[in-house]
Amino acid sequence: MATRRSKRINGEKLSERVEDIEAEARHQALREQQPVLMLGTESKDTACGFNLLDLVPELRERVYYFALQPDTPLQLASRGSKLKTPPLTLVSKQVRAEVLPIFFSKCDFVADVYSNYSHMGLFETKPMPALKSHAMKRAEYWHRMAGSMGFINSPNSPRALIAGLEKTEGFIAAFRNINFGILTCDVDTGISEDYVHTGEMERSVMWLRGPTATKLRPVVSYEDPHRVFVPPRYLERIRERAKAKAEQIAAERQVFVGFTLGDLETITAQFKCWPEQVV
């Protein structure tokens, strides 16, 4: 009697084991049928024949956008870039070709630009011979650096990334939503210079926004106007020059999809002030 009961229990256990093996085999077979999305439920995994590439382009674009949208704007900064290759683009060349244009056109980017506009007050109030000092040397240094994007002159510059952005799988990166932030030294009393943290030196100059990317929305902020005063007309001049250059680039293209890295360098070159422009 005990033997018969033991055999029955063992048979039930074997039957349950066989069912588990068969269920696992079915799930494995479903997983191998690519592309298949396995949706987790409270009871068990359920196979869903959802294919992302079968969606219409408009829906795919929204899926890519939400998958790639960062919490904060991506930095093209002097301290190294936070821009990473989107994980979604590693799936296949087809997905990569579809994702990258959306990635660069939808996401927000921050481009740091060196500018020497804060030194124009020195040239305005003092003759050139009187500036042969530490302040003048710093002014000359910032004059050389002015008009260039921060990450190009940085020792931590991700040059491989920059080269990859210029042409990746036949696609040229086209930036549409860009915030140009000016990096300039803090000039105190026109003689000595007090260098502060980059976040305190940065001025948000203008946004390039889609869909046309030619409507520039300028935003100017001074962190401590009682301590530092920069004649605002110089900031207005470089902003107007950059705006005109951006609009010219967009107007010359038959089909404008965004600004390339070369376009950004051309635009940022307008942020450089020259002593002969002082009036």
C-alpha atoms as a PDB file:
ATOM      1  CA  MET A   1       0.000   0.000   0.000  1.00  0.00           C
ATOM      2  CA  ALA A   2       2.814   2.362   0.911  1.00  0.00           C
ATOM      3  CA  THR A   3       4.683   1.433  -2.268  1.00  0.00           C
ATOM      4  CA  ARG A   4       1.631   2.185  -4.436  1.00  0.00           C
ATOM      5  CA  ARG A   5       1.170   5.564  -2.728  1.00  0.00           C
ATOM      6  CA  SER A   6       4.854   6.405  -3.163  1.00  0.00           C
ATOM      7  CA  LYS A   7       4.684   5.600  -6.883  1.00  0.00           C
ATOM      8  CA  ARG A   8       1.601   7.799  -7.261  1.00  0.00           C
ATOM      9  CA  ILE A   9       3.331  10.750  -5.554  1.00  0.00           C
ATOM     10  CA  ASN A  10       6.449  10.278  -7.663  1.00  0.00           C
ATOM     11  CA  GLY A  11       4.312  10.149 -10.792  1.00  0.00           C
ATOM     12  CA  GLU A  12       2.592  13.411  -9.895  1.00  0.00           C
ATOM     13  CA  LYS A  13       5.939  15.082  -9.294  1.00  0.00           C
ATOM     14  CA  LEU A  14       7.284  13.779 -12.609  1.00  0.00           C
ATOM     15  CA  SER A  15       4.179  15.014 -14.402  1.00  0.00           C
ATOM     16  CA  GLU A  16       4.585  18.477 -12.894  1.00  0.00           C
ATOM     17  CA  ARG A  17       8.261  18.481 -13.861  1.00  0.00           C
ATOM     18  CA  VAL A  18       7.426  17.507 -17.443  1.00  0.00           C
ATOM     19  CA  GLU A  19       4.861  20.307 -17.621  1.00  0.00           C
ATOM     20  CA  ASP A  20       7.464  22.780 -16.380  1.00  0.00           C
ATOM     21  CA  ILE A  21       9.992  21.576 -18.947  1.00  0.00           C
ATOM     22  CA  GLU A  22       7.448  21.791 -21.755  1.00  0.00           C
ATOM     23  CA  ALA A  23       6.378  25.279 -20.661  1.00  0.00           C
ATOM     24  CA  GLU A  24       9.995  26.427 -20.548  1.00  0.00           C
ATOM     25  CA  ALA A  25      10.597  24.949 -23.998  1.00  0.00           C
ATOM     26  CA  ARG A  26       7.567  26.786 -25.371  1.00  0.00           C
ATOM     27  CA  HIS A  27       8.754  30.054 -23.853  1.00  0.00           C
ATOM     28  CA  GLN A  28      12.261  29.497 -25.220  1.00  0.00           C
ATOM     29  CA  ALA A  29      10.865  28.855 -28.688  1.00  0.00           C
ATOM     30  CA  LEU A  30       8.812  32.028 -28.496  1.00  0.00           C
ATOM     31  CA  ARG A  31      11.808  34.046 -27.357  1.00  0.00           C
ATOM     32  CA  GLU A  32      13.838  32.789 -30.295  1.00  0.00           C
ATOM     33  CA  GLN A  33      11.239  34.056 -32.731  1.00  0.00           C
ATOM     34  CA  GLN A  34      12.709  37.524 -33.195  1.00  0.00           C
ATOM     35  CA  PRO A  35      11.614  40.170 -32.798  1.00  0.00           C
ATOM     36  CA  VAL A  36       9.186  39.233 -30.040  1.00  0.00           C
ATOM     37  CA  LEU A  37       8.496  41.250 -26.919  1.00  0.00           C
ATOM     38  CA  MET A  38       7.933  39.231 -23.755  1.00  0.00           C
ATOM     39  CA  LEU A  39       5.461  40.988 -21.508  1.00  0.00           C
ATOM     40  CA  GLY A  40       5.679  40.152 -17.815  1.00  0.00           C
ATOM     41  CA  THR A  41       2.400  39.457 -16.002  1.00  0.00           C
ATOM     42  CA  GLU A  42       1.518  38.436 -12.474  1.00  0.00           C
ATOM     43  CA  SER A  43       0.892  34.828 -13.483  1.00  0.00           C
ATOM     44  CA  LYS A  44       3.348  33.985 -16.224  1.00  0.00           C
ATOM     45  CA  ASP A  45       5.181  35.388 -19.237  1.00  0.00           C
ATOM     46  CA  THR A  46       2.964  35.995 -22.214  1.00  0.00           C
ATOM     47  CA  ALA A  47       4.327  36.235 -25.735  1.00  0.00           C
ATOM     48  CA  CYS A  48       3.331  39.275 -27.750  1.00  0.00           C
ATOM     49  CA  GLY A  49       4.051  39.538 -31.456  1.00  0.00           C
ATOM     50  CA  PHE A  50       4.899  43.261 -31.273  1.00  0.00           C
ATOM     51  CA  ASN A  51       7.463  44.420 -33.834  1.00  0.00           C
ATOM     52  CA  LEU A  52       8.770  47.945 -33.427  1.00  0.00           C
ATOM     53  CA  LEU A  53       9.869  48.190 -37.034  1.00  0.00           C
ATOM     54  CA  ASP A  54       6.343  47.360 -38.217  1.00  0.00           C
ATOM     55  CA  LEU A  55       4.987  50.573 -36.727  1.00  0.00           C
ATOM     56  CA  VAL A  56       4.330  53.584 -38.878  1.00  0.00           C
ATOM     57  CA  PRO A  57       7.198  56.130 -38.843  1.00  0.00           C
ATOM     58  CA  GLU A  58       5.239  58.621 -36.743  1.00  0.00           C
ATOM     59  CA  LEU A  59       4.737  56.111 -33.930  1.00  0.00           C
ATOM     60  CA  ARG A  60       8.317  54.867 -34.130  1.00  0.00           C
ATOM     61  CA  GLU A  61       9.528  58.434 -33.828  1.00  0.00           C
ATOM     62  CA  ARG A  62       7.612  58.955 -30.607  1.00  0.00           C
ATOM     63  CA  VAL A  63       8.878  55.655 -29.176  1.00  0.00           C
ATOM     64  CA  TYR A  64      12.469  56.611 -29.990  1.00  0.00           C
ATOM     65  CA  TYR A  65      11.961  60.095 -28.591  1.00  0.00           C
ATOM     66  CA  PHE A  66      10.765  58.880 -25.199  1.00  0.00           C
ATOM     67  CA  ALA A  67      13.448  56.188 -25.106  1.00  0.00           C
ATOM     68  CA  LEU A  68      16.217  58.695 -25.788  1.00  0.00           C
ATOM     69  CA  GLN A  69      15.006  61.810 -24.010  1.00  0.00           C
ATOM     70  CA  PRO A  70      17.410  62.621 -21.143  1.00  0.00           C
ATOM     71  CA  ASP A  71      16.421  64.133 -17.824  1.00  0.00           C
ATOM     72  CA  THR A  72      18.734  67.105 -18.395  1.00  0.00           C
ATOM     73  CA  PRO A  73      20.130  68.704 -21.562  1.00  0.00           C
ATOM     74  CA  LEU A  74      23.154  66.922 -22.952  1.00  0.00           C
ATOM     75  CA  GLN A  75      26.402  68.795 -22.474  1.00  0.00           C
ATOM     76  CA  LEU A  76      28.876  69.660 -25.188  1.00  0.00           C
ATOM     77  CA  ALA A  77      31.131  71.186 -22.557  1.00  0.00           C
ATOM     78  CA  SER A  78      34.766  71.902 -21.798  1.00  0.00           C
ATOM     79  CA  ARG A  79      34.828  69.363 -18.959  1.00  0.00           C
ATOM     80  CA  GLY A  80      34.104  66.474 -21.276  1.00  0.00           C
ATOM     81  CA  SER A  81      30.901  65.525 -22.963  1.00  0.00           C
ATOM     82  CA  LYS A  82      28.009  63.676 -21.367  1.00  0.00           C
ATOM     83  CA  LEU A  83      26.841  62.710 -24.820  1.00  0.00           C
ATOM     84  CA  LYS A  84      26.738  58.942 -25.109  1.00  0.00           C
ATOM     85  CA  THR A  85      25.750  56.649 -27.933  1.00  0.00           C
ATOM     86  CA  PRO A  86      22.064  55.856 -27.417  1.00  0.00           C
ATOM     87  CA  PRO A  87      21.724  52.199 -26.350  1.00  0.00           C
ATOM     88  CA  LEU A  88      18.861  51.806 -28.781  1.00  0.00           C
ATOM     89  CA  THR A  89      21.196  52.433 -31.709  1.00  0.00           C
ATOM     90  CA  LEU A  90      23.209  49.327 -30.857  1.00  0.00           C
ATOM     91  CA  VAL A  91      20.351  47.051 -31.916  1.00  0.00           C
ATOM     92  CA  SER A  92      20.927  47.138 -35.651  1.00  0.00           C
ATOM     93  CA  LYS A  93      22.035  49.409 -38.462  1.00  0.00           C
ATOM     94  CA  GLN A  94      18.432  49.953 -39.471  1.00  0.00           C
ATOM     95  CA  VAL A  95      17.402  51.089 -35.998  1.00  0.00           C
ATOM     96  CA  ARG A  96      20.576  53.167 -35.746  1.00  0.00           C
ATOM     97  CA  ALA A  97      19.791  54.935 -39.011  1.00  0.00           C
ATOM     98  CA  GLU A  98      16.275  55.658 -37.772  1.00  0.00           C
ATOM     99  CA  VAL A  99      17.201  56.707 -34.240  1.00  0.00           C
ATOM    100  CA  LEU A 100      20.141  59.056 -34.747  1.00  0.00           C
ATOM    101  CA  PRO A 101      18.271  61.740 -36.710  1.00  0.00           C
ATOM    102  CA  ILE A 102      15.561  61.764 -34.040  1.00  0.00           C
ATOM    103  CA  PHE A 103      18.162  61.749 -31.265  1.00  0.00           C
ATOM    104  CA  PHE A 104      19.885  64.891 -32.523  1.00  0.00           C
ATOM    105  CA  SER A 105      16.752  66.690 -33.645  1.00  0.00           C
ATOM    106  CA  LYS A 106      14.626  66.057 -30.540  1.00  0.00           C
ATOM    107  CA  CYS A 107      17.049  66.203 -27.614  1.00  0.00           C
ATOM    108  CA  ASP A 108      18.322  69.407 -26.036  1.00  0.00           C
ATOM    109  CA  PHE A 109      22.039  70.174 -26.130  1.00  0.00           C
ATOM    110  CA  VAL A 110      24.164  72.723 -24.292  1.00  0.00           C
ATOM    111  CA  ALA A 111      27.205  74.142 -26.105  1.00  0.00           C
ATOM    112  CA  ASP A 112      29.776  76.069 -24.068  1.00  0.00           C
ATOM    113  CA  VAL A 113      31.401  78.921 -25.979  1.00  0.00           C
ATOM    114  CA  TYR A 114      34.444  80.955 -24.986  1.00  0.00           C
ATOM    115  CA  SER A 115      33.984  84.706 -25.344  1.00  0.00           C
ATOM    116  CA  ASN A 116      36.073  87.776 -24.546  1.00  0.00           C
ATOM    117  CA  TYR A 117      33.219  90.269 -24.457  1.00  0.00           C
ATOM    118  CA  SER A 118      33.778  90.966 -20.745  1.00  0.00           C
ATOM    119  CA  HIS A 119      37.171  92.539 -21.564  1.00  0.00           C
ATOM    120  CA  MET A 120      35.747  95.127 -23.924  1.00  0.00           C
ATOM    121  CA  GLY A 121      35.204  97.428 -20.950  1.00  0.00           C
ATOM    122  CA  LEU A 122      38.982  97.479 -20.391  1.00  0.00           C
ATOM    123  CA  PHE A 123      39.689  98.648 -23.915  1.00  0.00           C
ATOM    124  CA  GLU A 124      36.891 101.157 -23.521  1.00  0.00           C
ATOM    125  CA  THR A 125      38.180 102.850 -20.367  1.00  0.00           C
ATOM    126  CA  LYS A 126      41.968 102.511 -20.537  1.00  0.00           C
ATOM    127  CA  PRO A 127      44.556 103.070 -23.270  1.00  0.00           C
ATOM    128  CA  MET A 128      46.394 100.042 -24.576  1.00  0.00           C
ATOM    129  CA  PRO A 129      49.806 100.850 -22.932  1.00  0.00           C
ATOM    130  CA  ALA A 130      48.143 100.955 -19.500  1.00  0.00           C
ATOM    131  CA  LEU A 131      47.004  97.352 -19.878  1.00  0.00           C
ATOM    132  CA  LYS A 132      50.462  95.765 -19.887  1.00  0.00           C
ATOM    133  CA  SER A 133      49.647  93.851 -16.747  1.00  0.00           C
ATOM    134  CA  HIS A 134      48.222  90.563 -15.599  1.00  0.00           C
ATOM    135  CA  ALA A 135      44.797  91.770 -16.707  1.00  0.00           C
ATOM    136  CA  MET A 136      46.093  92.513 -20.201  1.00  0.00           C
ATOM    137  CA  LYS A 137      47.743  89.113 -20.462  1.00  0.00           C
ATOM    138  CA  ARG A 138      44.501  87.443 -19.463  1.00  0.00           C
ATOM    139  CA  ALA A 139      42.622  89.589 -21.946  1.00  0.00           C
ATOM    140  CA  GLU A 140      44.958  88.422 -24.706  1.00  0.00           C
ATOM    141  CA  TYR A 141      44.488  84.804 -23.631  1.00  0.00           C
ATOM    142  CA  TRP A 142      40.695  85.050 -23.736  1.00  0.00           C
ATOM    143  CA  HIS A 143      40.940  86.868 -27.054  1.00  0.00           C
ATOM    144  CA  ARG A 144      42.724  83.835 -28.510  1.00  0.00           C
ATOM    145  CA  MET A 145      40.238  81.394 -27.021  1.00  0.00           C
ATOM    146  CA  ALA A 146      37.141  83.406 -27.900  1.00  0.00           C
ATOM    147  CA  GLY A 147      34.808  82.129 -30.570  1.00  0.00           C
ATOM    148  CA  SER A 148      35.534  78.440 -30.059  1.00  0.00           C
ATOM    149  CA  MET A 149      33.407  75.714 -28.532  1.00  0.00           C
ATOM    150  CA  GLY A 150      34.616  74.576 -25.169  1.00  0.00           C
ATOM    151  CA  PHE A 151      35.088  70.878 -25.852  1.00  0.00           C
ATOM    152  CA  ILE A 152      37.339  71.458 -28.875  1.00  0.00           C
ATOM    153  CA  ASN A 153      40.101  73.050 -26.790  1.00  0.00           C
ATOM    154  CA  SER A 154      39.746  70.756 -23.807  1.00  0.00           C
ATOM    155  CA  PRO A 155      42.331  68.051 -22.994  1.00  0.00           C
ATOM    156  CA  ASN A 156      39.365  65.840 -22.093  1.00  0.00           C
ATOM    157  CA  SER A 157      37.793  66.413 -25.475  1.00  0.00           C
ATOM    158  CA  PRO A 158      36.076  63.235 -26.722  1.00  0.00           C
ATOM    159  CA  ARG A 159      37.666  63.509 -30.149  1.00  0.00           C
ATOM    160  CA  ALA A 160      36.540  60.056 -31.216  1.00  0.00           C
ATOM    161  CA  LEU A 161      32.988  61.012 -30.359  1.00  0.00           C
ATOM    162  CA  ILE A 162      33.287  64.286 -32.260  1.00  0.00           C
ATOM    163  CA  ALA A 163      34.657  62.491 -35.301  1.00  0.00           C
ATOM    164  CA  GLY A 164      31.858  59.953 -35.068  1.00  0.00           C
ATOM    165  CA  LEU A 165      29.238  62.680 -34.943  1.00  0.00           C
ATOM    166  CA  GLU A 166      30.495  64.260 -38.131  1.00  0.00           C
ATOM    167  CA  LYS A 167      29.537  61.214 -40.125  1.00  0.00           C
ATOM    168  CA  THR A 168      28.028  58.088 -38.622  1.00  0.00           C
ATOM    169  CA  GLU A 169      26.637  55.364 -40.851  1.00  0.00           C
ATOM    170  CA  GLY A 170      26.162  57.895 -43.605  1.00  0.00           C
ATOM    171  CA  PHE A 171      24.178  60.214 -41.338  1.00  0.00           C
ATOM    172  CA  ILE A 172      25.492  63.668 -40.485  1.00  0.00           C
ATOM    173  CA  ALA A 173      24.463  64.771 -37.013  1.00  0.00           C
ATOM    174  CA  ALA A 174      22.046  67.697 -37.190  1.00  0.00           C
ATOM    175  CA  PHE A 175      21.524  69.567 -33.929  1.00  0.00           C
ATOM    176  CA  ARG A 176      18.278  71.520 -33.658  1.00  0.00           C
ATOM    177  CA  ASN A 177      17.708  72.425 -30.010  1.00  0.00           C
ATOM    178  CA  ILE A 178      20.888  74.067 -28.742  1.00  0.00           C
ATOM    179  CA  ASN A 179      21.585  76.446 -25.886  1.00  0.00           C
ATOM    180  CA  PHE A 180      24.743  78.512 -26.310  1.00  0.00           C
ATOM    181  CA  GLY A 181      26.243  79.330 -22.923  1.00  0.00           C
ATOM    182  CA  ILE A 182      29.040  81.876 -22.851  1.00  0.00           C
ATOM    183  CA  LEU A 183      32.128  81.191 -20.745  1.00  0.00           C
ATOM    184  CA  THR A 184      34.004  84.390 -19.924  1.00  0.00           C
ATOM    185  CA  CYS A 185      36.279  85.507 -17.118  1.00  0.00           C
ATOM    186  CA  ASP A 186      35.001  87.783 -14.400  1.00  0.00           C
ATOM    187  CA  VAL A 187      36.640  91.211 -14.650  1.00  0.00           C
ATOM    188  CA  ASP A 188      36.738  93.199 -11.400  1.00  0.00           C
ATOM    189  CA  THR A 189      37.386  97.005 -11.423  1.00  0.00           C
ATOM    190  CA  GLY A 190      38.965  96.746 -14.873  1.00  0.00           C
ATOM    191  CA  ILE A 191      42.423  95.946 -13.463  1.00  0.00           C
ATOM    192  CA  SER A 192      42.509  92.668 -11.544  1.00  0.00           C
ATOM    193  CA  GLU A 193      40.483  89.607 -12.415  1.00  0.00           C
ATOM    194  CA  ASP A 194      38.627  87.321 -10.074  1.00  0.00           C
ATOM    195  CA  TYR A 195      38.013  83.898 -11.569  1.00  0.00           C
ATOM    196  CA  VAL A 196      34.969  82.165 -10.214  1.00  0.00           C
ATOM    197  CA  HIS A 197      33.312  78.825 -10.786  1.00  0.00           C
ATOM    198  CA  THR A 198      32.273  78.096 -14.349  1.00  0.00           C
ATOM    199  CA  GLY A 199      28.637  77.917 -13.359  1.00  0.00           C
ATOM    200  CA  GLU A 200      28.867  81.502 -12.099  1.00  0.00           C
ATOM    201  CA  MET A 201      30.619  82.721 -15.233  1.00  0.00           C
ATOM    202  CA  GLU A 202      28.233  81.183 -17.682  1.00  0.00           C
ATOM    203  CA  ARG A 203      25.679  83.346 -19.443  1.00  0.00           C
ATOM    204  CA  SER A 204      22.861  81.714 -21.340  1.00  0.00           C
ATOM    205  CA  VAL A 205      22.909  83.628 -24.594  1.00  0.00           C
ATOM    206  CA  MET A 206      20.375  82.106 -26.925  1.00  0.00           C
ATOM    207  CA  TRP A 207      18.445  79.007 -27.853  1.00  0.00           C
ATOM    208  CA  LEU A 208      18.211  77.513 -31.314  1.00  0.00           C
ATOM    209  CA  ARG A 209      14.879  75.730 -31.351  1.00  0.00           C
ATOM    210  CA  GLY A 210      12.933  73.658 -33.889  1.00  0.00           C
ATOM    211  CA  PRO A 211      11.032  73.232 -36.071  1.00  0.00           C
ATOM    212  CA  THR A 212      12.783  75.851 -38.195  1.00  0.00           C
ATOM    213  CA  ALA A 213      15.664  76.288 -35.738  1.00  0.00           C
ATOM    214  CA  THR A 214      16.023  79.903 -36.884  1.00  0.00           C
ATOM    215  CA  LYS A 215      13.888  81.548 -34.214  1.00  0.00           C
ATOM    216  CA  LEU A 216      16.386  82.456 -31.507  1.00  0.00           C
ATOM    217  CA  ARG A 217      15.135  83.150 -28.012  1.00  0.00           C
ATOM    218  CA  PRO A 218      17.814  85.193 -26.179  1.00  0.00           C
ATOM    219  CA  VAL A 219      18.153  84.902 -22.424  1.00  0.00           C
ATOM    220  CA  VAL A 220      20.748  86.981 -20.578  1.00  0.00           C
ATOM    221  CA  SER A 221      21.488  86.710 -16.877  1.00  0.00           C
ATOM    222  CA  TYR A 222      24.003  88.430 -14.613  1.00  0.00           C
ATOM    223  CA  GLU A 223      24.735  86.563 -11.406  1.00  0.00           C
ATOM    224  CA  ASP A 224      26.115  89.509  -9.396  1.00  0.00           C
ATOM    225  CA  PRO A 225      25.539  92.868 -11.116  1.00  0.00           C
ATOM    226  CA  HIS A 226      26.826  94.839  -8.105  1.00  0.00           C
ATOM    227  CA  ARG A 227      30.220  93.205  -8.279  1.00  0.00           C
ATOM    228  CA  VAL A 228      30.671  92.804 -12.017  1.00  0.00           C
ATOM    229  CA  PHE A 229      29.386  95.008 -14.771  1.00  0.00           C
ATOM    230  CA  VAL A 230      29.803  94.173 -18.449  1.00  0.00           C
ATOM    231  CA  PRO A 231      28.539  96.668 -21.025  1.00  0.00           C
ATOM    232  CA  PRO A 232      25.502  94.855 -22.420  1.00  0.00           C
ATOM    233  CA  ARG A 233      25.939  96.253 -25.917  1.00  0.00           C
ATOM    234  CA  TYR A 234      28.833  93.882 -26.583  1.00  0.00           C
ATOM    235  CA  LEU A 235      26.709  90.920 -25.604  1.00  0.00           C
ATOM    236  CA  GLU A 236      23.953  92.195 -27.878  1.00  0.00           C
ATOM    237  CA  ARG A 237      26.381  92.514 -30.778  1.00  0.00           C
ATOM    238  CA  ILE A 238      27.751  89.009 -30.597  1.00  0.00           C
ATOM    239  CA  ARG A 239      24.268  87.596 -30.153  1.00  0.00           C
ATOM    240  CA  GLU A 240      22.983  89.460 -33.209  1.00  0.00           C
ATOM    241  CA  ARG A 241      25.967  88.294 -35.276  1.00  0.00           C
ATOM    242  CA  ALA A 242      25.445  84.690 -34.208  1.00  0.00           C
ATOM    243  CA  LYS A 243      21.725  84.928 -34.924  1.00  0.00           C
ATOM    244  CA  ALA A 244      22.348  86.350 -38.403  1.00  0.00           C
ATOM    245  CA  LYS A 245      24.880  83.627 -39.191  1.00  0.00           C
ATOM    246  CA  ALA A 246      22.512  80.871 -38.019  1.00  0.00           C
ATOM    247  CA  GLU A 247      19.690  82.251 -40.137  1.00  0.00           C
ATOM    248  CA  GLN A 248      22.020  82.542 -43.129  1.00  0.00           C
ATOM    249  CA  ILE A 249      23.088  78.901 -42.826  1.00  0.00           C
ATOM    250  CA  ALA A 250      19.479  77.756 -42.595  1.00  0.00           C
ATOM    251  CA  ALA A 251      18.414  79.906 -45.560  1.00  0.00           C
ATOM    252  CA  GLU A 252      21.173  78.553 -47.807  1.00  0.00           C
ATOM    253  CA  ARG A 253      20.011  74.947 -47.382  1.00  0.00           C
ATOM    254  CA  GLN A 254      17.360  73.643 -49.716  1.00  0.00           C
ATOM    255  CA  VAL A 255      16.161  71.293 -46.985  1.00  0.00           C
ATOM    256  CA  PHE A 256      17.214  72.396 -43.517  1.00  0.00           C
ATOM    257  CA  VAL A 257      17.199  69.607 -40.930  1.00  0.00           C
ATOM    258  CA  GLY A 258      19.554  71.083 -38.351  1.00  0.00           C
ATOM    259  CA  PHE A 259      23.052  72.375 -37.679  1.00  0.00           C
ATOM    260  CA  THR A 260      26.113  70.177 -38.145  1.00  0.00           C
ATOM    261  CA  LEU A 261      29.219  70.441 -35.975  1.00  0.00           C
ATOM    262  CA  GLY A 262      30.800  72.582 -38.687  1.00  0.00           C
ATOM    263  CA  ASP A 263      27.804  74.905 -38.574  1.00  0.00           C
ATOM    264  CA  LEU A 264      28.092  75.195 -34.795  1.00  0.00           C
ATOM    265  CA  GLU A 265      31.752  76.175 -35.079  1.00  0.00           C
ATOM    266  CA  THR A 266      30.833  78.824 -37.664  1.00  0.00           C
ATOM    267  CA  ILE A 267      28.122  80.204 -35.398  1.00  0.00           C
ATOM    268  CA  THR A 268      30.275  80.213 -32.257  1.00  0.00           C
ATOM    269  CA  ALA A 269      33.019  82.111 -34.107  1.00  0.00           C
ATOM    270  CA  GLN A 270      30.664  85.098 -34.011  1.00  0.00           C
ATOM    271  CA  PHE A 271      31.000  85.274 -30.214  1.00  0.00           C
ATOM    272  CA  LYS A 272      34.459  86.805 -30.507  1.00  0.00           C
ATOM    273  CA  CYS A 273      34.845  90.556 -29.959  1.00  0.00           C
ATOM    274  CA  TRP A 274      37.674  92.623 -31.441  1.00  0.00           C
ATOM    275  CA  PRO A 275      39.247  95.724 -29.824  1.00  0.00           C
ATOM    276  CA  GLU A 276      38.589  97.798 -32.933  1.00  0.00           C
ATOM    277  CA  GLN A 277      34.876  97.182 -32.390  1.00  0.00           C
ATOM    278  CA  VAL A 278      34.934  99.249 -29.192  1.00  0.00           C
ATOM    279  CA  VAL A 279      33.012 102.498 -29.614  1.00  0.00           C
END
